[in-house]
Amino acid sequence: MFQQITVDTSTVKSLDMTIPGHSYNTAVISVEDADIRLRLDGQDPTTTIGVKIPKDSVIRLTDRNELKNARFLCASGTAILNVQFRA
């Protein structure tokens, strides 16, 4: 499954894993246009708190709990996350 998420500085985003009958365990995520902040503990990042992921980076989440708990916020401006899920 593929998903594209727009992330800005005002609304924390998470991954949409609500497709019935599917169980995804891995996601490859590319970050475009701006840096983002990421937290994997289920807590919301801020524009200054969370792991900073630079634009043009690719990250891989390899645990179902990471996928469920991942929270994203743009450090400044607007970013696009291109997410490819894998079973």
Protein backbone atom coordinates (compact mmCIF):
# COMPACT_ATOMS: atom_id res chain seq x y z
CA MET A 1 0.00 0.00 0.00
CA PHE A 2 1.21 3.52 -0.81
CA GLN A 3 0.27 6.66 1.07
CA GLN A 4 1.22 10.32 0.64
CA ILE A 5 0.97 12.56 3.70
CA THR A 6 1.26 16.35 3.82
CA VAL A 7 2.88 17.47 7.05
CA ASP A 8 2.94 21.06 8.32
CA THR A 9 3.89 22.83 11.56
CA SER A 10 0.42 22.93 13.09
CA THR A 11 -1.03 19.38 12.90
CA VAL A 12 0.71 16.21 14.06
CA LYS A 13 0.25 13.37 11.57
CA SER A 14 0.41 9.60 11.97
CA LEU A 15 0.37 6.73 9.50
CA ASP A 16 -3.00 5.45 8.29
CA MET A 17 -2.91 1.71 8.79
CA THR A 18 -6.68 1.15 8.75
CA ILE A 19 -6.96 -0.99 5.62
CA PRO A 20 -9.04 -4.02 6.74
CA GLY A 21 -7.44 -7.41 6.24
CA HIS A 22 -3.89 -6.08 5.91
CA SER A 23 -1.08 -6.33 8.43
CA TYR A 24 1.87 -4.09 7.65
CA ASN A 25 5.14 -4.47 9.53
CA THR A 26 7.50 -2.22 7.56
CA ALA A 27 7.33 1.20 5.94
CA VAL A 28 9.82 3.03 3.75
CA ILE A 29 9.27 6.78 4.01
CA SER A 30 10.84 9.50 1.86
CA VAL A 31 10.78 13.10 3.10
CA GLU A 32 10.36 15.84 0.50
CA ASP A 33 10.41 19.65 0.55
CA ALA A 34 11.21 20.31 4.26
CA ASP A 35 12.72 18.79 7.42
CA ILE A 36 10.39 16.93 9.77
CA ARG A 37 10.39 15.87 13.43
CA LEU A 38 9.59 12.25 14.30
CA ARG A 39 8.68 10.52 17.55
CA LEU A 40 8.18 6.76 17.85
CA ASP A 41 6.90 6.69 21.44
CA GLY A 42 3.33 7.74 20.61
CA GLN A 43 3.92 11.27 21.91
CA ASP A 44 3.53 14.32 19.68
CA PRO A 45 6.67 15.99 18.34
CA THR A 46 6.99 19.77 18.22
CA THR A 47 8.88 21.95 15.77
CA THR A 48 11.92 21.59 18.08
CA ILE A 49 11.40 18.24 19.88
CA GLY A 50 11.70 14.86 18.19
CA VAL A 51 14.23 13.24 15.91
CA LYS A 52 15.03 15.66 13.09
CA ILE A 53 14.78 13.99 9.70
CA PRO A 54 16.24 16.20 6.94
CA LYS A 55 14.40 16.71 3.67
CA ASP A 56 15.42 14.31 0.91
CA SER A 57 16.00 11.56 3.50
CA VAL A 58 14.62 8.04 3.39
CA ILE A 59 13.81 6.24 6.62
CA ARG A 60 12.64 2.71 7.27
CA LEU A 61 10.38 1.70 10.13
CA THR A 62 10.66 -2.05 10.70
CA ASP A 63 8.39 -2.78 13.63
CA ARG A 64 4.58 -2.73 13.77
CA ASN A 65 4.66 -0.80 17.06
CA GLU A 66 6.88 1.84 15.45
CA LEU A 67 4.34 2.17 12.64
CA LYS A 68 1.44 2.53 15.09
CA ASN A 69 3.29 4.99 17.36
CA ALA A 70 5.03 7.14 14.72
CA ARG A 71 4.10 10.83 14.88
CA PHE A 72 5.30 13.45 12.40
CA LEU A 73 5.42 17.25 12.39
CA CYS A 74 7.18 19.60 9.99
CA ALA A 75 10.03 21.57 11.53
CA SER A 76 9.13 24.55 9.29
CA GLY A 77 7.03 24.98 6.17
CA THR A 78 5.32 21.97 4.61
CA ALA A 79 6.73 18.53 3.83
CA ILE A 80 5.45 15.58 1.84
CA LEU A 81 5.92 12.04 3.16
CA ASN A 82 5.78 9.28 0.57
CA VAL A 83 5.09 6.04 2.44
CA GLN A 84 5.37 2.54 1.00
CA PHE A 85 4.07 -0.15 3.37
CA ARG A 86 5.19 -3.76 3.23
CA ALA A 87 3.92 -6.86 4.99
